[in-house]
N, C-alpha and C. Protein backbone atom coordinates (compact mmCIF):
# COMPACT_ATOMS: atom_id res chain seq x y z
N MET A 1 58.23 -87.51 71.26
CA MET A 1 56.84 -86.51 70.90
C MET A 1 57.31 -85.67 70.31
N GLY A 2 56.38 -84.87 69.30
CA GLY A 2 56.49 -83.11 68.63
C GLY A 2 55.23 -82.83 68.25
N TYR A 3 55.56 -81.49 68.41
CA TYR A 3 54.05 -80.38 68.42
C TYR A 3 54.20 -79.93 67.20
N GLU A 4 53.45 -79.93 66.74
CA GLU A 4 53.36 -79.10 65.66
C GLU A 4 52.19 -77.48 65.83
N ILE A 5 52.76 -76.75 65.63
CA ILE A 5 52.46 -75.53 65.75
C ILE A 5 52.13 -74.45 64.62
N THR A 6 51.09 -74.23 64.43
CA THR A 6 50.68 -73.28 63.12
C THR A 6 50.49 -71.59 63.49
N THR A 7 51.99 -70.78 63.25
CA THR A 7 51.45 -69.65 63.71
C THR A 7 50.92 -68.36 61.91
N SER A 8 50.00 -67.71 62.67
CA SER A 8 49.60 -66.76 61.34
C SER A 8 49.41 -65.94 61.59
N ASN A 9 49.31 -64.57 61.01
CA ASN A 9 48.98 -63.30 61.11
C ASN A 9 48.21 -62.95 59.63
N ARG A 10 48.00 -61.82 59.17
CA ARG A 10 47.54 -61.05 58.55
C ARG A 10 48.39 -61.67 57.01
N ARG A 11 49.31 -61.40 57.08
CA ARG A 11 49.87 -61.68 56.31
C ARG A 11 50.58 -63.16 55.85
N ASN A 12 51.22 -63.82 56.57
CA ASN A 12 51.15 -65.19 56.43
C ASN A 12 51.14 -65.50 57.37
N SER A 13 51.69 -67.66 57.06
CA SER A 13 51.29 -68.37 58.34
C SER A 13 52.55 -69.34 57.86
N THR A 14 53.18 -69.75 58.93
CA THR A 14 54.18 -70.61 59.47
C THR A 14 53.63 -71.79 60.48
N LYS A 15 54.00 -72.78 59.85
CA LYS A 15 53.69 -74.25 60.33
C LYS A 15 55.56 -74.35 61.24
N MET A 16 55.24 -75.00 61.98
CA MET A 16 56.47 -75.23 63.05
C MET A 16 56.25 -76.59 63.47
N LEU A 17 57.59 -77.56 63.52
CA LEU A 17 57.34 -78.58 64.14
C LEU A 17 58.21 -78.46 65.34
N PHE A 18 57.63 -78.69 66.22
CA PHE A 18 58.66 -78.43 68.09
C PHE A 18 59.00 -79.86 68.28
N ALA A 19 60.18 -79.78 68.64
CA ALA A 19 59.99 -81.29 69.42
C ALA A 19 61.55 -81.11 70.28
N PRO A 20 61.22 -80.54 71.24
CA PRO A 20 62.30 -80.05 71.99
C PRO A 20 62.76 -82.20 72.99
N VAL A 21 63.42 -82.12 73.51
CA VAL A 21 63.82 -83.34 73.86
C VAL A 21 63.32 -83.50 75.64
N GLU A 22 63.22 -82.41 76.15
CA GLU A 22 62.33 -82.48 77.36
C GLU A 22 61.69 -81.62 77.15
N CYS A 23 60.29 -81.74 76.86
CA CYS A 23 59.36 -80.66 76.72
C CYS A 23 58.13 -80.53 77.74
N SER A 24 57.73 -79.21 78.29
CA SER A 24 56.32 -78.93 78.72
C SER A 24 55.40 -79.14 78.21
N ASP A 25 54.49 -79.06 78.70
CA ASP A 25 53.09 -78.84 78.01
C ASP A 25 52.97 -76.92 77.87
N ARG A 26 53.64 -76.87 78.09
CA ARG A 26 53.83 -75.58 77.99
C ARG A 26 54.40 -74.70 76.54
N LEU A 27 53.97 -74.51 75.89
CA LEU A 27 54.99 -73.95 74.54
C LEU A 27 53.87 -72.84 74.42
N ILE A 28 54.42 -71.53 74.39
CA ILE A 28 53.77 -70.27 74.20
C ILE A 28 53.89 -69.93 72.83
N ALA A 29 52.78 -69.86 71.79
CA ALA A 29 53.30 -69.30 70.62
C ALA A 29 53.10 -67.86 70.42
N THR A 30 53.81 -66.78 70.25
CA THR A 30 54.09 -65.69 70.40
C THR A 30 54.19 -64.96 68.66
N GLU A 31 54.44 -63.68 68.55
CA GLU A 31 55.32 -63.18 67.90
C GLU A 31 55.98 -62.14 68.39
N ILE A 32 57.09 -62.17 67.83
CA ILE A 32 58.26 -61.03 68.38
C ILE A 32 58.44 -59.83 67.43
N ILE A 33 58.72 -58.67 67.98
CA ILE A 33 59.63 -57.67 67.13
C ILE A 33 61.39 -57.96 67.93
N LEU A 34 61.88 -57.79 66.75
CA LEU A 34 63.38 -57.73 67.06
C LEU A 34 63.84 -56.09 67.34
N GLY A 35 64.69 -56.21 68.23
CA GLY A 35 64.94 -54.40 68.06
C GLY A 35 65.36 -54.28 69.90
N SER A 36 65.47 -53.32 69.74
CA SER A 36 65.19 -52.44 71.45
C SER A 36 64.60 -51.51 71.70
N PRO A 37 63.93 -51.37 72.73
CA PRO A 37 62.64 -50.47 72.94
C PRO A 37 63.79 -49.10 72.58
N GLY A 38 64.43 -48.72 73.20
CA GLY A 38 64.81 -47.65 73.28
C GLY A 38 65.31 -47.00 72.05
N SER A 39 65.28 -47.72 71.08
CA SER A 39 65.71 -47.02 70.17
C SER A 39 65.05 -47.43 68.71
N GLN A 40 62.94 -47.71 69.39
CA GLN A 40 62.51 -47.46 68.47
C GLN A 40 62.83 -49.08 67.28
N CYS A 41 63.04 -50.28 68.41
CA CYS A 41 63.05 -51.15 67.57
C CYS A 41 64.43 -51.37 66.34
N LEU A 42 65.16 -50.58 66.52
CA LEU A 42 66.48 -50.46 65.01
C LEU A 42 67.32 -51.25 66.23
N GLY A 43 67.75 -51.30 67.59
CA GLY A 43 68.85 -52.25 68.13
C GLY A 43 68.90 -53.52 67.64
N HIS A 44 69.30 -54.03 68.74
CA HIS A 44 69.65 -55.56 69.08
C HIS A 44 68.64 -55.99 70.15
N GLY A 45 68.13 -57.41 70.19
CA GLY A 45 67.73 -57.91 71.20
C GLY A 45 66.12 -58.30 70.63
N ILE A 46 64.98 -57.73 71.81
CA ILE A 46 63.63 -58.37 71.36
C ILE A 46 63.32 -57.11 71.89
N CYS A 47 62.34 -56.40 70.90
CA CYS A 47 61.65 -55.02 71.16
C CYS A 47 60.52 -55.77 72.23
N MET A 48 59.67 -56.51 71.53
CA MET A 48 58.28 -56.41 72.11
C MET A 48 57.95 -57.81 71.44
N VAL A 49 57.42 -58.65 72.66
CA VAL A 49 56.17 -59.82 72.36
C VAL A 49 55.08 -59.34 72.66
N LEU A 50 54.20 -60.27 71.47
CA LEU A 50 53.12 -60.00 70.81
C LEU A 50 52.30 -61.28 71.41
N GLU A 51 50.52 -61.38 71.33
CA GLU A 51 50.71 -62.32 71.33
C GLU A 51 50.15 -62.47 69.49
N MET A 52 49.47 -63.63 69.40
CA MET A 52 49.57 -64.23 68.04
C MET A 52 48.09 -63.30 67.28
N GLY A 53 48.54 -62.74 66.31
CA GLY A 53 47.72 -62.25 65.49
C GLY A 53 47.49 -60.52 65.96
N THR A 54 48.16 -60.41 67.28
CA THR A 54 47.68 -58.78 67.66
C THR A 54 48.20 -57.75 66.80
N ASP A 55 47.18 -56.53 65.91
CA ASP A 55 47.58 -55.78 65.17
C ASP A 55 48.81 -54.87 65.45
N ARG A 56 49.46 -54.38 64.84
CA ARG A 56 50.84 -53.85 64.89
C ARG A 56 50.80 -53.16 63.98
N LEU A 57 52.21 -51.94 63.81
CA LEU A 57 52.23 -51.23 62.64
C LEU A 57 52.87 -51.70 61.76
N PRO A 58 52.63 -51.74 60.74
CA PRO A 58 53.46 -52.26 59.59
C PRO A 58 54.87 -52.21 59.59
N THR A 59 55.17 -51.46 59.73
CA THR A 59 56.80 -50.88 59.85
C THR A 59 57.77 -52.00 60.11
N CYS A 60 56.98 -52.31 61.72
CA CYS A 60 58.17 -53.74 62.41
C CYS A 60 57.51 -54.79 62.31
N PRO A 61 58.44 -55.40 61.44
CA PRO A 61 58.24 -56.56 61.09
C PRO A 61 58.01 -57.73 62.06
N THR A 62 57.81 -58.49 62.18
CA THR A 62 57.38 -59.94 63.46
C THR A 62 57.95 -61.30 62.90
N LEU A 63 58.34 -61.47 64.01
CA LEU A 63 58.54 -63.43 63.77
C LEU A 63 57.67 -64.33 64.76
N PRO A 64 57.41 -65.40 63.76
CA PRO A 64 56.40 -66.24 64.81
C PRO A 64 57.55 -67.08 65.84
N ALA A 65 57.38 -66.73 67.33
CA ALA A 65 58.12 -67.36 67.96
C ALA A 65 57.87 -68.23 69.01
N ILE A 66 58.38 -69.14 69.61
CA ILE A 66 57.62 -70.24 70.67
C ILE A 66 58.53 -69.96 71.84
N PHE A 67 57.69 -69.79 73.12
CA PHE A 67 58.67 -69.77 74.16
C PHE A 67 58.18 -70.91 75.47
N HIS A 68 59.30 -71.20 75.80
CA HIS A 68 59.23 -72.45 76.48
C HIS A 68 60.28 -72.65 78.05
N ILE A 69 59.71 -73.14 78.67
CA ILE A 69 60.28 -73.11 80.08
C ILE A 69 61.37 -73.93 79.78
N ALA A 70 62.60 -74.18 80.76
CA ALA A 70 63.62 -74.86 80.11
C ALA A 70 64.28 -75.48 81.39
N ALA A 71 63.92 -74.43 82.36
CA ALA A 71 64.38 -74.62 83.40
C ALA A 71 63.89 -73.96 84.49
N PRO A 72 64.06 -73.94 85.54
CA PRO A 72 63.92 -72.63 86.45
C PRO A 72 64.72 -71.73 86.20
N HIS A 73 64.35 -70.56 85.80
CA HIS A 73 65.00 -69.18 85.67
C HIS A 73 65.17 -69.30 83.93
N GLN A 74 64.89 -70.27 83.23
CA GLN A 74 65.94 -69.86 81.81
C GLN A 74 64.43 -70.39 81.17
N LEU A 75 64.49 -69.30 79.97
CA LEU A 75 63.15 -69.69 78.86
C LEU A 75 64.30 -69.89 77.59
N GLN A 76 63.90 -71.00 76.54
CA GLN A 76 64.00 -70.93 75.59
C GLN A 76 63.32 -70.54 74.55
N LEU A 77 63.95 -69.77 73.58
CA LEU A 77 62.71 -69.26 72.58
C LEU A 77 63.12 -69.73 71.16
N TRP A 78 62.28 -70.07 70.26
CA TRP A 78 62.16 -71.23 69.32
C TRP A 78 61.88 -70.18 68.00
N ILE A 79 62.95 -69.61 67.07
CA ILE A 79 62.20 -69.64 65.72
C ILE A 79 62.62 -69.97 64.57
N SER A 80 61.68 -70.27 63.82
CA SER A 80 61.87 -71.16 62.62
C SER A 80 62.86 -70.35 61.68
N GLN A 81 63.84 -71.38 60.98
CA GLN A 81 64.77 -70.35 60.00
C GLN A 81 63.78 -69.63 58.90
N ASP A 82 62.90 -70.74 58.50
CA ASP A 82 62.38 -70.19 57.25
C ASP A 82 61.54 -68.73 57.57
N ALA A 83 61.09 -68.43 58.46
CA ALA A 83 60.52 -67.02 58.65
C ALA A 83 61.56 -66.01 59.20
N ILE A 84 63.12 -66.37 58.92
CA ILE A 84 63.83 -64.84 59.39
C ILE A 84 64.44 -64.83 57.90
N SER A 85 64.19 -63.41 57.40
CA SER A 85 64.89 -62.57 56.01
C SER A 85 66.39 -63.19 56.23
N ASP A 86 66.65 -62.95 54.76
CA ASP A 86 68.24 -62.67 55.27
C ASP A 86 68.70 -61.30 56.00
N LYS A 87 67.87 -59.98 56.00
CA LYS A 87 68.29 -58.61 56.48
C LYS A 87 68.07 -59.39 58.30
N MET A 88 66.77 -60.11 58.36
CA MET A 88 67.45 -60.09 59.73
C MET A 88 68.33 -60.86 60.37
N ARG A 89 68.40 -62.07 59.46
CA ARG A 89 69.58 -63.22 59.79
C ARG A 89 70.81 -62.41 59.85
N ASN A 90 71.59 -61.21 59.23
CA ASN A 90 72.65 -60.72 58.90
C ASN A 90 72.50 -59.92 60.58
N LYS A 91 71.61 -59.40 61.14
CA LYS A 91 72.11 -58.25 61.66
C LYS A 91 71.54 -58.68 62.85
N HIS A 92 70.84 -59.84 63.25
CA HIS A 92 70.38 -60.52 64.87
C HIS A 92 70.75 -61.69 65.08
N PHE A 93 71.33 -62.89 63.57
CA PHE A 93 71.19 -63.76 64.17
C PHE A 93 72.94 -64.75 63.28
N SER A 94 73.79 -63.39 63.18
CA SER A 94 75.26 -64.26 62.67
C SER A 94 76.06 -63.99 63.39
N GLY A 95 75.94 -63.92 64.63
CA GLY A 95 77.37 -64.48 65.51
C GLY A 95 77.05 -65.58 66.47
N GLN A 96 77.43 -65.73 67.38
CA GLN A 96 77.39 -67.17 68.23
C GLN A 96 76.32 -66.54 69.26
N PHE A 97 76.19 -65.35 69.64
CA PHE A 97 75.29 -64.98 70.68
C PHE A 97 74.44 -64.29 70.43
N PHE A 98 73.43 -64.39 71.08
CA PHE A 98 71.99 -63.17 70.48
C PHE A 98 72.17 -61.89 71.59
N HIS A 99 72.49 -60.86 70.94
CA HIS A 99 72.57 -59.76 71.84
C HIS A 99 71.38 -58.82 72.02
N MET A 100 71.20 -58.58 73.20
CA MET A 100 70.04 -57.53 73.82
C MET A 100 70.65 -56.62 74.61
N GLU A 101 70.47 -55.39 73.41
CA GLU A 101 71.01 -53.87 74.81
C GLU A 101 70.10 -53.65 75.55
N GLU A 102 69.00 -53.77 75.85
CA GLU A 102 68.24 -53.43 77.00
C GLU A 102 67.36 -54.92 77.38
N PRO A 103 67.03 -54.79 78.65
CA PRO A 103 66.13 -55.84 79.39
C PRO A 103 64.78 -55.19 78.72
N ILE A 104 64.02 -56.87 78.57
CA ILE A 104 62.60 -55.98 78.32
C ILE A 104 61.72 -57.21 79.83
N VAL A 105 60.79 -56.71 79.99
CA VAL A 105 59.36 -56.68 81.00
C VAL A 105 59.01 -57.55 79.65
N LEU A 106 58.36 -59.17 80.48
CA LEU A 106 57.88 -60.23 79.81
C LEU A 106 56.14 -59.39 79.75
N PRO A 107 55.61 -59.54 79.19
CA PRO A 107 54.31 -59.21 78.42
C PRO A 107 53.30 -60.00 80.00
N GLY A 108 52.27 -59.27 80.38
CA GLY A 108 51.30 -60.61 81.55
C GLY A 108 50.94 -61.76 80.43
N PHE A 109 50.47 -61.73 79.69
CA PHE A 109 50.30 -63.12 78.68
C PHE A 109 50.68 -64.05 78.89
N LEU A 110 52.27 -63.63 78.73
CA LEU A 110 53.27 -64.88 78.42
C LEU A 110 53.29 -65.15 79.95
N CYS A 111 53.53 -64.33 81.08
CA CYS A 111 53.83 -64.55 82.38
C CYS A 111 52.58 -65.77 83.41
N GLU A 112 51.62 -65.21 82.78
CA GLU A 112 50.10 -65.94 83.21
C GLU A 112 50.68 -67.07 82.29
N ALA A 113 50.79 -67.16 80.86
CA ALA A 113 51.02 -68.49 80.49
C ALA A 113 52.27 -69.94 80.63
N LEU A 114 52.68 -68.81 80.84
CA LEU A 114 54.34 -69.50 81.43
C LEU A 114 54.10 -69.87 82.89
N GLN A 115 53.54 -69.44 83.87
CA GLN A 115 53.36 -69.40 85.18
C GLN A 115 54.51 -68.78 86.01
N LEU A 116 54.78 -67.39 85.30
CA LEU A 116 56.18 -66.66 85.71
C LEU A 116 55.44 -65.83 86.49
N ASN A 117 56.22 -65.13 87.53
CA ASN A 117 56.09 -63.89 88.24
C ASN A 117 55.67 -62.86 87.24
N ILE A 118 54.55 -61.62 87.36
CA ILE A 118 54.25 -60.93 86.54
C ILE A 118 55.10 -60.00 86.37
N SER A 119 56.32 -59.72 87.21
CA SER A 119 57.43 -58.76 86.72
C SER A 119 58.88 -59.33 86.31
N SER A 120 58.46 -60.86 85.79
CA SER A 120 59.72 -61.63 85.28
C SER A 120 59.98 -61.04 84.05
N GLN A 121 61.58 -61.06 83.69
CA GLN A 121 62.37 -60.04 82.68
C GLN A 121 63.23 -60.78 82.18
N ILE A 122 63.99 -60.28 81.04
CA ILE A 122 64.90 -61.21 80.25
C ILE A 122 65.96 -59.50 80.20
N PRO A 123 67.39 -60.14 81.19
CA PRO A 123 67.90 -59.00 81.12
C PRO A 123 69.00 -58.90 79.68
N SER A 124 69.15 -57.52 79.74
CA SER A 124 69.98 -57.23 78.71
C SER A 124 71.67 -58.14 78.56
N GLY A 125 72.15 -58.15 77.53
CA GLY A 125 73.63 -59.02 77.55
C GLY A 125 73.38 -60.16 76.04
N GLN A 126 74.82 -60.92 76.07
CA GLN A 126 74.57 -61.97 75.24
C GLN A 126 74.20 -62.70 75.95
N HIS A 127 73.15 -63.86 75.06
CA HIS A 127 72.47 -64.98 75.30
C HIS A 127 72.81 -66.25 74.21
N ALA A 128 73.22 -66.95 74.84
CA ALA A 128 73.40 -68.44 74.00
C ALA A 128 72.53 -68.73 72.88
N LEU A 129 73.38 -68.86 71.40
CA LEU A 129 72.13 -68.89 70.79
C LEU A 129 73.17 -70.06 69.54
N GLN A 130 71.72 -70.83 69.45
CA GLN A 130 72.23 -72.40 68.81
C GLN A 130 71.37 -72.23 67.47
N LYS A 131 72.07 -72.54 66.26
CA LYS A 131 71.57 -72.47 64.91
C LYS A 131 71.32 -73.75 64.76
N LEU A 132 69.94 -74.26 64.40
CA LEU A 132 69.60 -76.01 64.40
C LEU A 132 69.36 -75.65 62.67
N ASP A 133 68.63 -77.16 62.28
CA ASP A 133 68.44 -77.41 60.96
C ASP A 133 67.15 -76.00 60.80
N ALA A 134 66.35 -76.14 61.75
CA ALA A 134 64.84 -75.79 61.39
C ALA A 134 64.94 -74.83 61.98
N PHE A 135 65.32 -74.17 63.10
CA PHE A 135 65.40 -73.16 64.22
C PHE A 135 66.20 -72.59 64.32
N MET A 136 66.22 -71.06 64.71
CA MET A 136 67.52 -70.96 65.80
C MET A 136 66.84 -70.94 67.43
N LEU A 137 67.57 -71.22 68.23
CA LEU A 137 67.22 -71.51 69.73
C LEU A 137 68.11 -70.68 70.51
N ILE A 138 67.25 -69.71 71.39
CA ILE A 138 67.95 -68.83 71.93
C ILE A 138 67.52 -69.44 73.47
N THR A 139 68.39 -69.26 74.53
CA THR A 139 68.40 -69.26 75.88
C THR A 139 68.83 -68.47 76.59
N LEU A 140 67.57 -67.94 77.33
CA LEU A 140 67.46 -66.75 77.63
C LEU A 140 67.18 -66.96 79.13
N PRO A 141 68.03 -66.12 80.17
CA PRO A 141 67.76 -66.36 81.57
C PRO A 141 66.55 -65.46 82.00
N ILE A 142 65.83 -65.43 82.97
CA ILE A 142 64.70 -64.97 83.08
C ILE A 142 64.84 -64.47 85.19
N GLY A 143 64.29 -62.76 85.07
CA GLY A 143 64.16 -62.27 86.30
C GLY A 143 63.68 -63.16 87.55
N CYS A 144 63.15 -64.15 87.54
CA CYS A 144 62.38 -64.75 88.61
C CYS A 144 61.95 -65.87 88.23
N SER A 145 61.88 -66.84 88.86
CA SER A 145 61.45 -68.45 89.09
C SER A 145 60.05 -68.79 89.20
N GLN A 146 59.83 -69.44 88.20
CA GLN A 146 57.96 -69.75 88.29
C GLN A 146 57.69 -70.18 89.99
N PRO A 147 56.51 -69.56 90.10
CA PRO A 147 55.88 -69.77 91.14
C PRO A 147 55.79 -71.41 91.51
N GLY A 148 55.95 -71.48 92.75
CA GLY A 148 56.35 -72.98 93.49
C GLY A 148 54.97 -73.47 93.89
């Protein structure tokens, strides 16, 4: 079973076919800004997670991304290969891991949609990165489990 998700902002529109093997209904389309908050988005990691269509500074490029609960305490982040520029690919996706210099507290809209504790966060460190044909798949631990 697959899901087609169209993400768009003022500048472009990206259509993604999302078909994980074991998939819940909770696929949350977002936009992410890569980098680290402490270095004003110039470092490595996820600087910000935004709701689709959120106004932002034009100097911060965004990527459409899908968040999905893969298992308790684990998120999957799916990013379309087509949406990643060569510059972003070389800086953030050239190795075997996705490096996060700083932890990021997940925004309220995402915690609510995924039924996570409002203070859930993704820790800093090296996180598993899979380079698939159409997607980059990043597996991220989360700081607390879904409410039972």
